[in-house]
Amino acid sequence: MVEENQSDIAPTAEKLAETRLKRYGYVLRANKDTFRKVGLDLEVLGKREKGRPEQRWLDTLYDDLKQLVLTRTRCMIERNGVRR
């Protein structure tokens, strides 16, 4: 049985989040009529089958943004000290 090293998993997840945020920046700067900008605002018609809803790309991206803000806020607090 192969043991997984938890320290290898965290950097990979951070790299994936960094790449998603970088690509989102490219999409935001693109012209309105480009394929990637149109695809971002695409509405899919119809219903999904029963079960757990699929995770959308934007849902994952928003989770990454929340985590980034929390991490930066925590770093600022630790660096400057807690002020009350």
N, C-alpha and C. Protein backbone atom coordinates (compact mmCIF):
# COMPACT_ATOMS: atom_id res chain seq x y z
N MET A 1 0.85 -1.18 0.00
CA MET A 1 0.00 0.00 0.00
C MET A 1 0.89 1.25 0.00
N VAL A 2 0.55 2.20 -0.82
CA VAL A 2 1.35 3.41 -0.96
C VAL A 2 0.76 4.49 -0.06
N GLU A 3 1.62 5.10 0.74
CA GLU A 3 1.17 6.20 1.60
C GLU A 3 1.24 7.50 0.83
N GLU A 4 0.21 8.31 0.99
CA GLU A 4 0.20 9.63 0.35
C GLU A 4 0.76 10.65 1.32
N ASN A 5 1.63 11.47 0.83
CA ASN A 5 2.22 12.52 1.65
C ASN A 5 1.34 13.76 1.54
N GLN A 6 0.79 14.21 2.65
CA GLN A 6 -0.11 15.36 2.64
C GLN A 6 0.58 16.63 2.18
N SER A 7 1.88 16.72 2.39
CA SER A 7 2.60 17.93 1.98
C SER A 7 2.67 18.05 0.46
N ASP A 8 2.56 16.93 -0.27
CA ASP A 8 2.55 16.97 -1.73
C ASP A 8 1.20 17.41 -2.27
N ILE A 9 0.15 17.16 -1.54
CA ILE A 9 -1.20 17.48 -2.01
C ILE A 9 -1.47 18.97 -1.93
N ALA A 10 -1.07 19.62 -0.85
CA ALA A 10 -1.36 21.04 -0.66
C ALA A 10 -0.74 21.92 -1.75
N PRO A 11 0.54 21.76 -2.10
CA PRO A 11 1.09 22.61 -3.15
C PRO A 11 0.40 22.41 -4.50
N THR A 12 -0.02 21.18 -4.80
CA THR A 12 -0.73 20.92 -6.05
C THR A 12 -2.05 21.66 -6.07
N ALA A 13 -2.79 21.63 -4.98
CA ALA A 13 -4.07 22.34 -4.91
C ALA A 13 -3.87 23.84 -5.03
N GLU A 14 -2.81 24.35 -4.41
CA GLU A 14 -2.52 25.78 -4.51
C GLU A 14 -2.16 26.18 -5.93
N LYS A 15 -1.41 25.33 -6.62
CA LYS A 15 -1.04 25.61 -8.02
C LYS A 15 -2.28 25.62 -8.91
N LEU A 16 -3.20 24.68 -8.68
CA LEU A 16 -4.43 24.64 -9.47
C LEU A 16 -5.26 25.90 -9.24
N ALA A 17 -5.37 26.32 -7.99
CA ALA A 17 -6.13 27.54 -7.68
C ALA A 17 -5.48 28.75 -8.33
N GLU A 18 -4.16 28.82 -8.28
CA GLU A 18 -3.43 29.93 -8.90
C GLU A 18 -3.68 29.98 -10.41
N THR A 19 -3.67 28.83 -11.04
CA THR A 19 -3.91 28.76 -12.49
C THR A 19 -5.33 29.17 -12.83
N ARG A 20 -6.31 28.73 -12.03
CA ARG A 20 -7.70 29.12 -12.29
C ARG A 20 -7.87 30.63 -12.18
N LEU A 21 -7.27 31.24 -11.17
CA LEU A 21 -7.38 32.69 -10.99
C LEU A 21 -6.69 33.44 -12.13
N LYS A 22 -5.57 32.93 -12.59
CA LYS A 22 -4.85 33.56 -13.70
C LYS A 22 -5.70 33.50 -14.98
N ARG A 23 -6.29 32.35 -15.24
CA ARG A 23 -7.13 32.21 -16.44
C ARG A 23 -8.37 33.09 -16.36
N TYR A 24 -8.93 33.23 -15.17
CA TYR A 24 -10.09 34.10 -14.99
C TYR A 24 -9.71 35.54 -15.33
N GLY A 25 -8.53 35.96 -14.98
CA GLY A 25 -8.05 37.29 -15.34
C GLY A 25 -7.98 37.47 -16.84
N TYR A 26 -7.52 36.44 -17.56
CA TYR A 26 -7.48 36.50 -19.02
C TYR A 26 -8.88 36.66 -19.59
N VAL A 27 -9.83 35.93 -19.03
CA VAL A 27 -11.21 35.99 -19.52
C VAL A 27 -11.80 37.38 -19.26
N LEU A 28 -11.56 37.94 -18.10
CA LEU A 28 -12.11 39.26 -17.78
C LEU A 28 -11.56 40.35 -18.69
N ARG A 29 -10.31 40.22 -19.11
CA ARG A 29 -9.71 41.23 -19.97
C ARG A 29 -10.04 41.02 -21.45
N ALA A 30 -10.65 39.92 -21.81
CA ALA A 30 -10.95 39.62 -23.21
C ALA A 30 -12.08 40.51 -23.73
N ASN A 31 -12.16 40.66 -25.05
CA ASN A 31 -13.25 41.41 -25.67
C ASN A 31 -14.57 40.68 -25.44
N LYS A 32 -15.67 41.42 -25.52
CA LYS A 32 -16.99 40.84 -25.23
C LYS A 32 -17.40 39.78 -26.24
N ASP A 33 -16.92 39.87 -27.47
CA ASP A 33 -17.36 38.93 -28.50
C ASP A 33 -16.44 37.71 -28.65
N THR A 34 -15.44 37.57 -27.81
CA THR A 34 -14.57 36.40 -27.89
C THR A 34 -15.28 35.18 -27.32
N PHE A 35 -14.84 34.02 -27.77
CA PHE A 35 -15.47 32.77 -27.38
C PHE A 35 -15.42 32.54 -25.87
N ARG A 36 -14.28 32.84 -25.25
CA ARG A 36 -14.16 32.59 -23.82
C ARG A 36 -15.04 33.51 -22.99
N LYS A 37 -15.25 34.76 -23.44
CA LYS A 37 -16.11 35.68 -22.71
C LYS A 37 -17.58 35.28 -22.87
N VAL A 38 -17.96 34.86 -24.07
CA VAL A 38 -19.33 34.40 -24.31
C VAL A 38 -19.60 33.14 -23.49
N GLY A 39 -18.63 32.24 -23.43
CA GLY A 39 -18.79 31.00 -22.68
C GLY A 39 -18.94 31.23 -21.19
N LEU A 40 -18.38 32.31 -20.68
CA LEU A 40 -18.48 32.61 -19.25
C LEU A 40 -19.91 32.95 -18.85
N ASP A 41 -20.62 33.64 -19.73
CA ASP A 41 -21.99 34.06 -19.44
C ASP A 41 -23.04 33.15 -20.07
N LEU A 42 -22.64 31.99 -20.53
CA LEU A 42 -23.54 31.08 -21.24
C LEU A 42 -24.59 30.50 -20.29
N GLU A 43 -25.84 30.56 -20.69
CA GLU A 43 -26.93 29.95 -19.93
C GLU A 43 -27.29 28.63 -20.59
N VAL A 44 -27.28 27.54 -19.85
CA VAL A 44 -27.60 26.23 -20.39
C VAL A 44 -29.08 25.97 -20.17
N LEU A 45 -29.77 25.60 -21.23
CA LEU A 45 -31.20 25.32 -21.14
C LEU A 45 -31.41 23.86 -20.75
N GLY A 46 -32.54 23.59 -20.12
CA GLY A 46 -32.86 22.23 -19.75
C GLY A 46 -32.62 21.99 -18.26
N LYS A 47 -32.87 20.75 -17.87
CA LYS A 47 -32.70 20.38 -16.47
C LYS A 47 -31.65 19.29 -16.35
N ARG A 48 -31.05 19.22 -15.19
CA ARG A 48 -30.09 18.16 -14.91
C ARG A 48 -30.83 16.95 -14.36
N GLU A 49 -30.16 15.83 -14.40
CA GLU A 49 -30.74 14.64 -13.80
C GLU A 49 -30.70 14.77 -12.28
N LYS A 50 -31.44 13.91 -11.61
CA LYS A 50 -31.44 13.93 -10.15
C LYS A 50 -30.06 13.58 -9.61
N GLY A 51 -29.80 14.07 -8.43
CA GLY A 51 -28.51 13.78 -7.80
C GLY A 51 -27.77 15.06 -7.46
N ARG A 52 -26.56 14.88 -7.07
CA ARG A 52 -25.73 16.01 -6.68
C ARG A 52 -25.46 16.90 -7.89
N PRO A 53 -25.68 18.21 -7.75
CA PRO A 53 -25.39 19.10 -8.88
C PRO A 53 -23.89 19.16 -9.15
N GLU A 54 -23.55 19.28 -10.42
CA GLU A 54 -22.14 19.35 -10.80
C GLU A 54 -21.55 20.67 -10.33
N GLN A 55 -20.28 20.64 -10.05
CA GLN A 55 -19.56 21.85 -9.64
C GLN A 55 -19.22 22.64 -10.89
N ARG A 56 -19.66 23.89 -10.93
CA ARG A 56 -19.34 24.73 -12.08
C ARG A 56 -17.97 25.36 -11.89
N TRP A 57 -17.37 25.79 -13.00
CA TRP A 57 -16.05 26.40 -12.96
C TRP A 57 -16.08 27.67 -12.11
N LEU A 58 -17.13 28.47 -12.26
CA LEU A 58 -17.22 29.71 -11.48
C LEU A 58 -17.40 29.44 -9.99
N ASP A 59 -18.11 28.37 -9.64
CA ASP A 59 -18.25 28.02 -8.22
C ASP A 59 -16.88 27.74 -7.60
N THR A 60 -16.08 26.97 -8.31
CA THR A 60 -14.74 26.66 -7.84
C THR A 60 -13.89 27.91 -7.76
N LEU A 61 -14.02 28.77 -8.75
CA LEU A 61 -13.25 30.01 -8.78
C LEU A 61 -13.61 30.92 -7.61
N TYR A 62 -14.89 31.05 -7.32
CA TYR A 62 -15.32 31.89 -6.19
C TYR A 62 -14.81 31.33 -4.87
N ASP A 63 -14.78 30.00 -4.74
CA ASP A 63 -14.20 29.38 -3.53
C ASP A 63 -12.72 29.71 -3.41
N ASP A 64 -12.01 29.68 -4.55
CA ASP A 64 -10.58 30.04 -4.55
C ASP A 64 -10.39 31.49 -4.12
N LEU A 65 -11.24 32.38 -4.63
CA LEU A 65 -11.14 33.80 -4.28
C LEU A 65 -11.40 34.02 -2.79
N LYS A 66 -12.40 33.34 -2.25
CA LYS A 66 -12.68 33.46 -0.81
C LYS A 66 -11.49 33.00 0.01
N GLN A 67 -10.91 31.87 -0.38
CA GLN A 67 -9.76 31.33 0.35
C GLN A 67 -8.57 32.28 0.26
N LEU A 68 -8.36 32.89 -0.91
CA LEU A 68 -7.26 33.83 -1.10
C LEU A 68 -7.44 35.06 -0.21
N VAL A 69 -8.65 35.58 -0.14
CA VAL A 69 -8.92 36.75 0.70
C VAL A 69 -8.71 36.40 2.17
N LEU A 70 -9.19 35.24 2.58
CA LEU A 70 -9.01 34.82 3.97
C LEU A 70 -7.54 34.64 4.30
N THR A 71 -6.79 34.06 3.39
CA THR A 71 -5.36 33.84 3.61
C THR A 71 -4.62 35.17 3.71
N ARG A 72 -4.91 36.09 2.80
CA ARG A 72 -4.24 37.39 2.83
C ARG A 72 -4.62 38.17 4.08
N THR A 73 -5.88 38.11 4.48
CA THR A 73 -6.32 38.80 5.69
C THR A 73 -5.62 38.22 6.91
N ARG A 74 -5.53 36.90 6.98
CA ARG A 74 -4.86 36.25 8.11
C ARG A 74 -3.39 36.65 8.15
N CYS A 75 -2.73 36.71 7.01
CA CYS A 75 -1.32 37.11 6.97
C CYS A 75 -1.14 38.55 7.44
N MET A 76 -2.04 39.44 7.02
CA MET A 76 -1.94 40.84 7.44
C MET A 76 -2.13 40.96 8.94
N ILE A 77 -3.08 40.21 9.50
CA ILE A 77 -3.32 40.26 10.94
C ILE A 77 -2.11 39.73 11.70
N GLU A 78 -1.55 38.62 11.23
CA GLU A 78 -0.39 38.05 11.90
C GLU A 78 0.82 38.97 11.80
N ARG A 79 0.97 39.65 10.68
CA ARG A 79 2.12 40.53 10.48
C ARG A 79 2.00 41.79 11.33
N ASN A 80 0.80 42.37 11.39
CA ASN A 80 0.59 43.63 12.10
C ASN A 80 0.15 43.44 13.54
N GLY A 81 -0.24 42.26 13.90
CA GLY A 81 -0.76 42.02 15.24
C GLY A 81 -2.24 42.34 15.28
N VAL A 82 -2.92 41.74 16.22
CA VAL A 82 -4.36 41.95 16.35
C VAL A 82 -4.60 43.26 17.08
N ARG A 83 -5.38 44.12 16.48
CA ARG A 83 -5.70 45.42 17.09
C ARG A 83 -7.17 45.44 17.48
N ARG A 84 -7.42 45.94 18.66
CA ARG A 84 -8.82 46.03 19.12
C ARG A 84 -9.17 47.43 19.46
